[in-house]
Amino acid sequence: MSAVDSVVAIYPTHQEAERAVKMLQEAGVDMKSLSIAAKDTHTEEHVVGYYNAGDRMKYWGKLGVFWGGFWGLLFGSAMFVIPGLGPILVAGPLVAWIVAGLENAVIVGGLSAIGAGLVSIGIPHDSVLQYETALATDKFLLVVHGSFTEVERARNAIAGAGHGDYTCHGERVLAGQGN
C-alpha cells in the first residue's frame, strides 16, 4: 500500500479557504504538506504586481493579505500563466510538483501543468479534471499530501468543519481504509 495519500478540498471563496487553512493549522497538520492554488482574477484594482525578495514573494491586489499570509506560511510560492486557465497563484509543495512536471515535459492527456503535478502525486486523471475546472471557475483548491496519518488528520479537520466538497486519494482510501 502507498505510504502517501492526499485530500483535496475545493472552496468557493478565499475566506472559506483561509478558514480551512487556519483550522488545519489548529488541528496540527504540518503546513509543509499543504498547498493552495487559485486563479488570479480576484482583483478590482488596476495595478496588480508581484515581486520576489529573497525567499519571500509579494503580491499587490485585492487579495494581497490573503496570498501574503500563505506565501509566508507555506513552503514555496509561484505564479504561473497556464493556457486555458490563465494566471494561477500557488503556494506550497504543489509549486515543486508543477515545476517538475514542466521540467520533465510530463503534460499528460490534455492536462495543464497543475494537472500534471497532481497526477504525479497519484491523484486520478478524472479527479484532476474536476480540480482544473474548479480553478477555471475561480474556486480555491486546497491540497494536503503526506502520510496516511497526516492526511487523515486533515480529512477529519475538514469534515469536522462541515465542508462537503473534498475528496481523499490514495491506495488506502481505495482499499476502504479512508473516506
N, C-alpha and C. Protein backbone atom coordinates (compact mmCIF):
# COMPACT_ATOMS: atom_id res chain seq x y z
N MET A 1 0.82 -1.19 0.00
CA MET A 1 0.00 0.00 0.00
C MET A 1 0.86 1.24 0.00
N SER A 2 0.32 2.28 -0.54
CA SER A 2 1.02 3.55 -0.60
C SER A 2 1.16 4.15 0.80
N ALA A 3 2.34 4.72 1.08
CA ALA A 3 2.55 5.40 2.35
C ALA A 3 2.15 6.86 2.25
N VAL A 4 1.79 7.31 1.06
CA VAL A 4 1.45 8.71 0.84
C VAL A 4 0.04 8.80 0.27
N ASP A 5 -0.71 9.73 0.81
CA ASP A 5 -2.09 9.94 0.39
C ASP A 5 -2.34 11.43 0.27
N SER A 6 -3.52 11.78 -0.22
CA SER A 6 -3.88 13.19 -0.39
C SER A 6 -5.35 13.40 -0.06
N VAL A 7 -5.65 14.60 0.40
CA VAL A 7 -7.02 15.06 0.49
C VAL A 7 -7.06 16.40 -0.23
N VAL A 8 -8.06 16.57 -1.09
CA VAL A 8 -8.19 17.79 -1.88
C VAL A 8 -9.57 18.38 -1.59
N ALA A 9 -9.60 19.66 -1.24
CA ALA A 9 -10.85 20.35 -0.98
C ALA A 9 -10.97 21.55 -1.92
N ILE A 10 -12.20 21.84 -2.29
CA ILE A 10 -12.49 22.98 -3.17
C ILE A 10 -13.32 23.97 -2.36
N TYR A 11 -12.89 25.23 -2.37
CA TYR A 11 -13.60 26.29 -1.65
C TYR A 11 -14.04 27.38 -2.63
N PRO A 12 -15.25 27.87 -2.51
CA PRO A 12 -15.73 28.89 -3.44
C PRO A 12 -15.19 30.29 -3.17
N THR A 13 -14.73 30.56 -1.95
CA THR A 13 -14.24 31.91 -1.62
C THR A 13 -12.90 31.84 -0.90
N HIS A 14 -12.17 32.95 -0.96
CA HIS A 14 -10.89 32.99 -0.25
C HIS A 14 -11.10 32.97 1.26
N GLN A 15 -12.22 33.50 1.75
CA GLN A 15 -12.49 33.46 3.17
C GLN A 15 -12.63 32.03 3.68
N GLU A 16 -13.34 31.20 2.92
CA GLU A 16 -13.51 29.80 3.31
C GLU A 16 -12.18 29.04 3.23
N ALA A 17 -11.39 29.31 2.20
CA ALA A 17 -10.08 28.66 2.08
C ALA A 17 -9.17 29.07 3.24
N GLU A 18 -9.19 30.34 3.58
CA GLU A 18 -8.36 30.84 4.68
C GLU A 18 -8.81 30.21 6.01
N ARG A 19 -10.10 30.11 6.22
CA ARG A 19 -10.63 29.47 7.43
C ARG A 19 -10.18 28.01 7.50
N ALA A 20 -10.19 27.32 6.37
CA ALA A 20 -9.77 25.92 6.34
C ALA A 20 -8.30 25.78 6.70
N VAL A 21 -7.46 26.67 6.17
CA VAL A 21 -6.03 26.60 6.48
C VAL A 21 -5.80 26.83 7.97
N LYS A 22 -6.49 27.79 8.55
CA LYS A 22 -6.36 28.04 10.00
C LYS A 22 -6.82 26.84 10.80
N MET A 23 -7.92 26.22 10.37
CA MET A 23 -8.45 25.05 11.04
C MET A 23 -7.45 23.88 10.96
N LEU A 24 -6.83 23.70 9.79
CA LEU A 24 -5.84 22.65 9.62
C LEU A 24 -4.62 22.90 10.51
N GLN A 25 -4.21 24.15 10.59
CA GLN A 25 -3.09 24.51 11.44
C GLN A 25 -3.42 24.21 12.90
N GLU A 26 -4.61 24.57 13.35
CA GLU A 26 -5.03 24.30 14.73
C GLU A 26 -5.13 22.81 15.01
N ALA A 27 -5.45 22.01 13.99
CA ALA A 27 -5.54 20.56 14.14
C ALA A 27 -4.18 19.89 14.15
N GLY A 28 -3.11 20.67 13.95
CA GLY A 28 -1.76 20.11 13.99
C GLY A 28 -1.26 19.56 12.67
N VAL A 29 -1.93 19.90 11.58
CA VAL A 29 -1.47 19.45 10.26
C VAL A 29 -0.19 20.20 9.91
N ASP A 30 0.80 19.46 9.44
CA ASP A 30 2.09 20.05 9.05
C ASP A 30 1.87 20.96 7.86
N MET A 31 2.17 22.24 8.01
CA MET A 31 1.94 23.21 6.94
C MET A 31 2.82 22.94 5.72
N LYS A 32 3.90 22.17 5.88
CA LYS A 32 4.74 21.82 4.73
C LYS A 32 4.05 20.82 3.82
N SER A 33 2.95 20.21 4.28
CA SER A 33 2.22 19.25 3.46
C SER A 33 1.02 19.89 2.75
N LEU A 34 0.81 21.19 2.96
CA LEU A 34 -0.36 21.89 2.47
C LEU A 34 -0.02 22.76 1.28
N SER A 35 -0.89 22.72 0.26
CA SER A 35 -0.79 23.60 -0.91
C SER A 35 -2.13 24.27 -1.15
N ILE A 36 -2.08 25.45 -1.74
CA ILE A 36 -3.30 26.14 -2.14
C ILE A 36 -3.06 26.77 -3.51
N ALA A 37 -4.08 26.73 -4.36
CA ALA A 37 -3.98 27.30 -5.70
C ALA A 37 -5.29 27.99 -6.03
N ALA A 38 -5.20 29.08 -6.80
CA ALA A 38 -6.40 29.79 -7.25
C ALA A 38 -6.04 30.63 -8.46
N LYS A 39 -7.06 30.92 -9.22
CA LYS A 39 -6.91 31.78 -10.39
C LYS A 39 -6.74 33.22 -9.93
N ASP A 40 -5.89 33.96 -10.61
CA ASP A 40 -5.61 35.35 -10.23
C ASP A 40 -6.52 36.29 -11.01
N THR A 41 -7.81 36.19 -10.75
CA THR A 41 -8.76 37.12 -11.37
C THR A 41 -9.59 37.83 -10.32
N HIS A 42 -9.18 37.69 -9.07
CA HIS A 42 -9.96 38.22 -7.96
C HIS A 42 -9.50 39.62 -7.59
N THR A 43 -9.44 40.51 -8.55
CA THR A 43 -8.99 41.86 -8.24
C THR A 43 -9.92 42.88 -8.89
N GLU A 44 -10.17 43.94 -8.17
CA GLU A 44 -10.95 45.04 -8.72
C GLU A 44 -10.05 46.24 -8.97
N GLU A 45 -8.78 46.09 -8.68
CA GLU A 45 -7.83 47.18 -8.84
C GLU A 45 -7.15 47.07 -10.20
N HIS A 46 -6.64 48.19 -10.68
CA HIS A 46 -5.95 48.18 -11.97
C HIS A 46 -4.51 47.75 -11.83
N VAL A 47 -3.90 47.99 -10.69
CA VAL A 47 -2.50 47.64 -10.52
C VAL A 47 -2.40 46.36 -9.71
N VAL A 48 -1.87 45.34 -10.32
CA VAL A 48 -1.60 44.09 -9.65
C VAL A 48 -0.14 43.78 -9.92
N GLY A 49 0.60 43.44 -8.90
CA GLY A 49 2.02 43.18 -9.10
C GLY A 49 2.52 42.09 -8.19
N TYR A 50 3.67 41.56 -8.58
CA TYR A 50 4.34 40.51 -7.83
C TYR A 50 5.81 40.87 -7.78
N TYR A 51 6.47 40.52 -6.72
CA TYR A 51 7.92 40.58 -6.74
C TYR A 51 8.48 39.56 -5.78
N ASN A 52 9.69 39.18 -6.00
CA ASN A 52 10.36 38.19 -5.17
C ASN A 52 11.54 38.88 -4.50
N ALA A 53 11.58 38.86 -3.19
CA ALA A 53 12.68 39.45 -2.44
C ALA A 53 13.28 38.36 -1.57
N GLY A 54 14.34 37.76 -2.05
CA GLY A 54 14.94 36.65 -1.32
C GLY A 54 14.01 35.46 -1.35
N ASP A 55 13.63 34.99 -0.16
CA ASP A 55 12.76 33.83 -0.10
C ASP A 55 11.29 34.21 0.08
N ARG A 56 10.96 35.48 -0.10
CA ARG A 56 9.59 35.96 0.07
C ARG A 56 9.05 36.47 -1.26
N MET A 57 7.78 36.24 -1.50
CA MET A 57 7.13 36.75 -2.68
C MET A 57 6.04 37.71 -2.23
N LYS A 58 5.89 38.82 -2.89
CA LYS A 58 4.91 39.84 -2.51
C LYS A 58 3.89 39.99 -3.63
N TYR A 59 2.62 40.14 -3.27
CA TYR A 59 1.53 40.32 -4.22
C TYR A 59 0.77 41.58 -3.84
N TRP A 60 0.54 42.44 -4.83
CA TRP A 60 -0.33 43.59 -4.63
C TRP A 60 -1.62 43.32 -5.37
N GLY A 61 -2.71 43.60 -4.74
CA GLY A 61 -4.01 43.41 -5.36
C GLY A 61 -5.03 43.21 -4.25
N LYS A 62 -6.25 42.97 -4.64
CA LYS A 62 -7.34 42.83 -3.67
C LYS A 62 -7.06 41.75 -2.63
N LEU A 63 -6.46 40.65 -3.02
CA LEU A 63 -6.20 39.55 -2.09
C LEU A 63 -4.74 39.50 -1.63
N GLY A 64 -4.08 40.65 -1.60
CA GLY A 64 -2.68 40.70 -1.20
C GLY A 64 -2.42 40.16 0.19
N VAL A 65 -3.26 40.48 1.14
CA VAL A 65 -3.09 39.98 2.51
C VAL A 65 -3.29 38.47 2.55
N PHE A 66 -4.31 38.00 1.82
CA PHE A 66 -4.59 36.56 1.75
C PHE A 66 -3.38 35.79 1.23
N TRP A 67 -2.88 36.18 0.04
CA TRP A 67 -1.75 35.46 -0.55
C TRP A 67 -0.46 35.70 0.22
N GLY A 68 -0.25 36.91 0.72
CA GLY A 68 0.95 37.19 1.50
C GLY A 68 1.05 36.31 2.73
N GLY A 69 -0.07 36.07 3.37
CA GLY A 69 -0.09 35.18 4.54
C GLY A 69 0.28 33.76 4.18
N PHE A 70 -0.26 33.26 3.07
CA PHE A 70 0.06 31.89 2.67
C PHE A 70 1.51 31.75 2.22
N TRP A 71 1.99 32.75 1.48
CA TRP A 71 3.36 32.65 0.99
C TRP A 71 4.36 32.70 2.14
N GLY A 72 3.98 33.30 3.26
CA GLY A 72 4.85 33.29 4.42
C GLY A 72 4.72 32.01 5.23
N LEU A 73 3.56 31.36 5.16
CA LEU A 73 3.26 30.20 5.97
C LEU A 73 3.61 28.88 5.29
N LEU A 74 3.36 28.81 3.99
CA LEU A 74 3.53 27.56 3.26
C LEU A 74 4.88 27.50 2.56
N PHE A 75 5.29 26.29 2.21
CA PHE A 75 6.59 26.03 1.63
C PHE A 75 6.54 26.20 0.12
N GLY A 76 7.06 27.33 -0.39
CA GLY A 76 7.11 27.58 -1.83
C GLY A 76 5.95 28.44 -2.30
N SER A 77 6.20 29.28 -3.29
CA SER A 77 5.15 30.12 -3.87
C SER A 77 5.51 30.44 -5.31
N ALA A 78 4.48 30.63 -6.14
CA ALA A 78 4.72 30.93 -7.54
C ALA A 78 3.45 31.47 -8.18
N MET A 79 3.64 32.07 -9.34
CA MET A 79 2.54 32.47 -10.20
C MET A 79 2.84 31.89 -11.57
N PHE A 80 1.88 31.15 -12.10
CA PHE A 80 2.02 30.53 -13.41
C PHE A 80 0.93 31.09 -14.32
N VAL A 81 1.25 31.26 -15.60
CA VAL A 81 0.23 31.58 -16.59
C VAL A 81 0.04 30.32 -17.41
N ILE A 82 -1.13 29.72 -17.27
CA ILE A 82 -1.39 28.41 -17.85
C ILE A 82 -2.46 28.54 -18.92
N PRO A 83 -2.13 28.12 -20.16
CA PRO A 83 -3.13 28.18 -21.23
C PRO A 83 -4.42 27.48 -20.82
N GLY A 84 -5.53 28.14 -21.08
CA GLY A 84 -6.82 27.58 -20.72
C GLY A 84 -7.29 27.96 -19.32
N LEU A 85 -6.35 28.26 -18.44
CA LEU A 85 -6.70 28.65 -17.08
C LEU A 85 -6.36 30.11 -16.80
N GLY A 86 -5.29 30.60 -17.41
CA GLY A 86 -4.84 31.97 -17.15
C GLY A 86 -3.85 32.01 -16.00
N PRO A 87 -3.71 33.18 -15.36
CA PRO A 87 -2.76 33.28 -14.26
C PRO A 87 -3.27 32.53 -13.03
N ILE A 88 -2.40 31.67 -12.49
CA ILE A 88 -2.73 30.87 -11.31
C ILE A 88 -1.68 31.15 -10.24
N LEU A 89 -2.14 31.46 -9.03
CA LEU A 89 -1.26 31.64 -7.89
C LEU A 89 -1.23 30.34 -7.11
N VAL A 90 -0.02 29.93 -6.68
CA VAL A 90 0.14 28.66 -5.99
C VAL A 90 1.07 28.85 -4.81
N ALA A 91 0.74 28.23 -3.69
CA ALA A 91 1.62 28.21 -2.52
C ALA A 91 1.68 26.78 -2.00
N GLY A 92 2.87 26.36 -1.57
CA GLY A 92 3.05 25.02 -1.01
C GLY A 92 3.79 24.10 -1.95
N PRO A 93 3.87 22.82 -1.60
CA PRO A 93 4.64 21.85 -2.40
C PRO A 93 4.11 21.65 -3.82
N LEU A 94 2.87 22.05 -4.08
CA LEU A 94 2.33 21.95 -5.44
C LEU A 94 3.21 22.72 -6.42
N VAL A 95 3.88 23.78 -5.96
CA VAL A 95 4.80 24.53 -6.83
C VAL A 95 5.88 23.60 -7.38
N ALA A 96 6.50 22.82 -6.51
CA ALA A 96 7.56 21.91 -6.94
C ALA A 96 7.03 20.82 -7.86
N TRP A 97 5.82 20.31 -7.60
CA TRP A 97 5.24 19.28 -8.46
C TRP A 97 4.98 19.83 -9.85
N ILE A 98 4.51 21.07 -9.94
CA ILE A 98 4.27 21.70 -11.24
C ILE A 98 5.58 21.90 -11.99
N VAL A 99 6.57 22.44 -11.30
CA VAL A 99 7.88 22.68 -11.93
C VAL A 99 8.49 21.38 -12.41
N ALA A 100 8.41 20.33 -11.59
CA ALA A 100 8.94 19.02 -12.00
C ALA A 100 8.22 18.52 -13.24
N GLY A 101 6.91 18.71 -13.29
CA GLY A 101 6.14 18.30 -14.46
C GLY A 101 6.56 19.07 -15.70
N LEU A 102 6.80 20.38 -15.53
CA LEU A 102 7.24 21.20 -16.66
C LEU A 102 8.65 20.83 -17.11
N GLU A 103 9.54 20.61 -16.15
CA GLU A 103 10.93 20.27 -16.49
C GLU A 103 11.02 18.93 -17.19
N ASN A 104 10.15 18.01 -16.80
CA ASN A 104 10.18 16.67 -17.40
C ASN A 104 9.21 16.53 -18.57
N ALA A 105 8.59 17.66 -18.95
CA ALA A 105 7.61 17.67 -20.05
C ALA A 105 6.54 16.61 -19.86
N VAL A 106 6.05 16.50 -18.62
CA VAL A 106 5.05 15.49 -18.29
C VAL A 106 3.66 16.13 -18.32
N ILE A 107 3.26 16.62 -19.46
CA ILE A 107 1.89 17.11 -19.60
C ILE A 107 1.09 15.93 -20.13
N VAL A 108 0.17 15.44 -19.29
CA VAL A 108 -0.48 14.17 -19.53
C VAL A 108 -1.90 14.37 -20.05
N GLY A 109 -2.22 13.75 -21.15
CA GLY A 109 -3.58 13.66 -21.66
C GLY A 109 -4.38 14.94 -21.65
N GLY A 110 -3.81 16.05 -22.12
CA GLY A 110 -4.54 17.29 -22.20
C GLY A 110 -4.64 18.05 -20.89
N LEU A 111 -3.95 17.60 -19.86
CA LEU A 111 -3.98 18.29 -18.57
C LEU A 111 -3.05 19.49 -18.60
N SER A 112 -3.35 20.47 -17.76
CA SER A 112 -2.45 21.61 -17.61
C SER A 112 -1.24 21.19 -16.78
N ALA A 113 -0.32 22.13 -16.59
CA ALA A 113 0.85 21.87 -15.74
C ALA A 113 0.41 21.55 -14.32
N ILE A 114 -0.62 22.20 -13.83
CA ILE A 114 -1.13 21.89 -12.49
C ILE A 114 -1.67 20.47 -12.46
N GLY A 115 -2.42 20.11 -13.48
CA GLY A 115 -2.94 18.75 -13.57
C GLY A 115 -1.84 17.71 -13.59
N ALA A 116 -0.79 17.96 -14.37
CA ALA A 116 0.34 17.03 -14.43
C ALA A 116 1.00 16.91 -13.06
N GLY A 117 1.11 18.02 -12.34
CA GLY A 117 1.67 17.98 -10.98
C GLY A 117 0.83 17.13 -10.05
N LEU A 118 -0.48 17.25 -10.14
CA LEU A 118 -1.37 16.46 -9.29
C LEU A 118 -1.34 14.98 -9.67
N VAL A 119 -1.29 14.68 -10.96
CA VAL A 119 -1.20 13.29 -11.41
C VAL A 119 0.10 12.67 -10.90
N SER A 120 1.18 13.46 -10.86
CA SER A 120 2.48 12.93 -10.44
C SER A 120 2.49 12.48 -8.98
N ILE A 121 1.53 12.95 -8.17
CA ILE A 121 1.46 12.50 -6.77
C ILE A 121 0.36 11.47 -6.58
N GLY A 122 -0.19 10.96 -7.68
CA GLY A 122 -1.12 9.85 -7.59
C GLY A 122 -2.60 10.22 -7.61
N ILE A 123 -2.93 11.46 -7.91
CA ILE A 123 -4.34 11.84 -7.99
C ILE A 123 -4.86 11.42 -9.37
N PRO A 124 -5.98 10.71 -9.41
CA PRO A 124 -6.50 10.17 -10.67
C PRO A 124 -6.87 11.27 -11.68
N HIS A 125 -6.70 10.94 -12.94
CA HIS A 125 -6.94 11.85 -14.06
C HIS A 125 -8.33 12.49 -13.98
N ASP A 126 -9.38 11.69 -13.72
CA ASP A 126 -10.74 12.22 -13.66
C ASP A 126 -10.89 13.26 -12.56
N SER A 127 -10.27 13.03 -11.41
CA SER A 127 -10.33 13.99 -10.32
C SER A 127 -9.58 15.26 -10.68
N VAL A 128 -8.43 15.10 -11.35
CA VAL A 128 -7.64 16.26 -11.75
C VAL A 128 -8.45 17.15 -12.69
N LEU A 129 -9.20 16.56 -13.60
CA LEU A 129 -10.06 17.35 -14.49
C LEU A 129 -11.07 18.17 -13.68
N GLN A 130 -11.62 17.58 -12.63
CA GLN A 130 -12.56 18.29 -11.75
C GLN A 130 -11.84 19.46 -11.07
N TYR A 131 -10.60 19.25 -10.63
CA TYR A 131 -9.87 20.32 -9.93
C TYR A 131 -9.47 21.44 -10.89
N GLU A 132 -9.10 21.08 -12.11
CA GLU A 132 -8.78 22.12 -13.11
C GLU A 132 -10.03 22.95 -13.42
N THR A 133 -11.18 22.29 -13.50
CA THR A 133 -12.44 23.00 -13.74
C THR A 133 -12.75 23.94 -12.57
N ALA A 134 -12.50 23.49 -11.36
CA ALA A 134 -12.72 24.35 -10.18
C ALA A 134 -11.84 25.60 -10.27
N LEU A 135 -10.57 25.42 -10.63
CA LEU A 135 -9.68 26.58 -10.77
C LEU A 135 -10.17 27.51 -11.88
N ALA A 136 -10.60 26.94 -12.99
CA ALA A 136 -11.07 27.75 -14.12
C ALA A 136 -12.31 28.56 -13.76
N THR A 137 -13.07 28.11 -12.77
CA THR A 137 -14.29 28.81 -12.36
C THR A 137 -14.07 29.60 -11.06
N ASP A 138 -12.82 30.01 -10.85
CA ASP A 138 -12.46 30.93 -9.76
C ASP A 138 -12.62 30.35 -8.36
N LYS A 139 -12.49 29.06 -8.22
CA LYS A 139 -12.54 28.44 -6.89
C LYS A 139 -11.11 28.27 -6.37
N PHE A 140 -11.00 27.96 -5.09
CA PHE A 140 -9.72 27.78 -4.42
C PHE A 140 -9.51 26.30 -4.15
N LEU A 141 -8.35 25.80 -4.51
CA LEU A 141 -8.02 24.39 -4.37
C LEU A 141 -7.03 24.23 -3.23
N LEU A 142 -7.37 23.40 -2.25
CA LEU A 142 -6.50 23.14 -1.12
C LEU A 142 -6.11 21.67 -1.16
N VAL A 143 -4.80 21.38 -1.09
CA VAL A 143 -4.30 20.02 -1.17
C VAL A 143 -3.42 19.74 0.04
N VAL A 144 -3.71 18.64 0.74
CA VAL A 144 -2.82 18.15 1.79
C VAL A 144 -2.31 16.81 1.30
N HIS A 145 -1.01 16.67 1.22
CA HIS A 145 -0.37 15.47 0.67
C HIS A 145 0.69 15.01 1.66
N GLY A 146 0.60 13.77 2.09
CA GLY A 146 1.59 13.26 3.04
C GLY A 146 1.27 11.84 3.45
N SER A 147 1.71 11.49 4.64
CA SER A 147 1.46 10.14 5.14
C SER A 147 -0.04 9.95 5.36
N PHE A 148 -0.44 8.72 5.45
CA PHE A 148 -1.85 8.41 5.68
C PHE A 148 -2.33 9.09 6.96
N THR A 149 -1.51 9.05 8.01
CA THR A 149 -1.88 9.66 9.29
C THR A 149 -2.07 11.16 9.15
N GLU A 150 -1.16 11.83 8.44
CA GLU A 150 -1.25 13.28 8.25
C GLU A 150 -2.49 13.64 7.45
N VAL A 151 -2.75 12.89 6.40
CA VAL A 151 -3.91 13.17 5.55
C VAL A 151 -5.20 12.86 6.30
N GLU A 152 -5.20 11.83 7.11
CA GLU A 152 -6.39 11.50 7.90
C GLU A 152 -6.69 12.62 8.91
N ARG A 153 -5.64 13.20 9.51
CA ARG A 153 -5.82 14.33 10.43
C ARG A 153 -6.45 15.51 9.67
N ALA A 154 -5.96 15.77 8.47
CA ALA A 154 -6.50 16.86 7.66
C ALA A 154 -7.94 16.58 7.26
N ARG A 155 -8.22 15.36 6.85
CA ARG A 155 -9.58 14.97 6.45
C ARG A 155 -10.55 15.17 7.61
N ASN A 156 -10.15 14.74 8.80
CA ASN A 156 -11.01 14.88 9.97
C ASN A 156 -11.29 16.36 10.27
N ALA A 157 -10.27 17.20 10.13
CA ALA A 157 -10.45 18.63 10.38
C ALA A 157 -11.41 19.24 9.36
N ILE A 158 -11.23 18.89 8.08
CA ILE A 158 -12.09 19.42 7.02
C ILE A 158 -13.52 18.90 7.20
N ALA A 159 -13.67 17.61 7.48
CA ALA A 159 -15.00 17.03 7.67
C ALA A 159 -15.68 17.62 8.90
N GLY A 160 -14.94 17.85 9.97
CA GLY A 160 -15.49 18.41 11.20
C GLY A 160 -16.02 19.81 11.03
N ALA A 161 -15.52 20.51 10.02
CA ALA A 161 -15.98 21.88 9.77
C ALA A 161 -17.24 21.90 8.92
N GLY A 162 -17.70 20.73 8.49
CA GLY A 162 -18.91 20.66 7.70
C GLY A 162 -18.71 20.99 6.24
N HIS A 163 -17.46 21.01 5.78
CA HIS A 163 -17.19 21.27 4.37
C HIS A 163 -17.46 20.01 3.59
N GLY A 164 -18.37 20.06 2.63
CA GLY A 164 -18.77 18.85 1.92
C GLY A 164 -18.04 18.58 0.63
N ASP A 165 -17.20 19.48 0.14
CA ASP A 165 -16.59 19.30 -1.17
C ASP A 165 -15.11 18.96 -1.06
N TYR A 166 -14.84 17.74 -0.60
CA TYR A 166 -13.45 17.28 -0.52
C TYR A 166 -13.40 15.83 -0.94
N THR A 167 -12.23 15.39 -1.39
CA THR A 167 -12.02 14.02 -1.82
C THR A 167 -10.68 13.54 -1.30
N CYS A 168 -10.64 12.30 -0.83
CA CYS A 168 -9.38 11.69 -0.40
C CYS A 168 -8.88 10.79 -1.52
N HIS A 169 -7.56 10.74 -1.68
CA HIS A 169 -6.93 9.92 -2.72
C HIS A 169 -5.80 9.11 -2.12
N GLY A 170 -5.61 7.91 -2.65
CA GLY A 170 -4.51 7.05 -2.23
C GLY A 170 -4.98 5.61 -2.18
N GLU A 171 -4.02 4.70 -2.15
CA GLU A 171 -4.35 3.28 -2.17
C GLU A 171 -5.11 2.85 -0.94
N ARG A 172 -4.78 3.39 0.22
CA ARG A 172 -5.51 3.03 1.44
C ARG A 172 -6.95 3.50 1.36
N VAL A 173 -7.15 4.65 0.76
CA VAL A 173 -8.51 5.16 0.59
C VAL A 173 -9.28 4.20 -0.31
N LEU A 174 -8.67 3.79 -1.41
CA LEU A 174 -9.33 2.89 -2.36
C LEU A 174 -9.58 1.52 -1.74
N ALA A 175 -8.73 1.13 -0.78
CA ALA A 175 -8.88 -0.15 -0.13
C ALA A 175 -9.91 -0.10 1.00
N GLY A 176 -10.54 1.07 1.19
CA GLY A 176 -11.57 1.20 2.20
C GLY A 176 -11.06 1.59 3.57
N GLN A 177 -9.81 2.03 3.66
CA GLN A 177 -9.26 2.42 4.96
C GLN A 177 -9.30 3.92 5.16
N GLY A 178 -10.00 4.61 4.34
CA GLY A 178 -10.15 6.05 4.49
C GLY A 178 -11.46 6.47 3.83
N ASN A 179 -11.76 7.75 3.85
CA ASN A 179 -13.02 8.22 3.24
C ASN A 179 -12.76 8.74 1.86
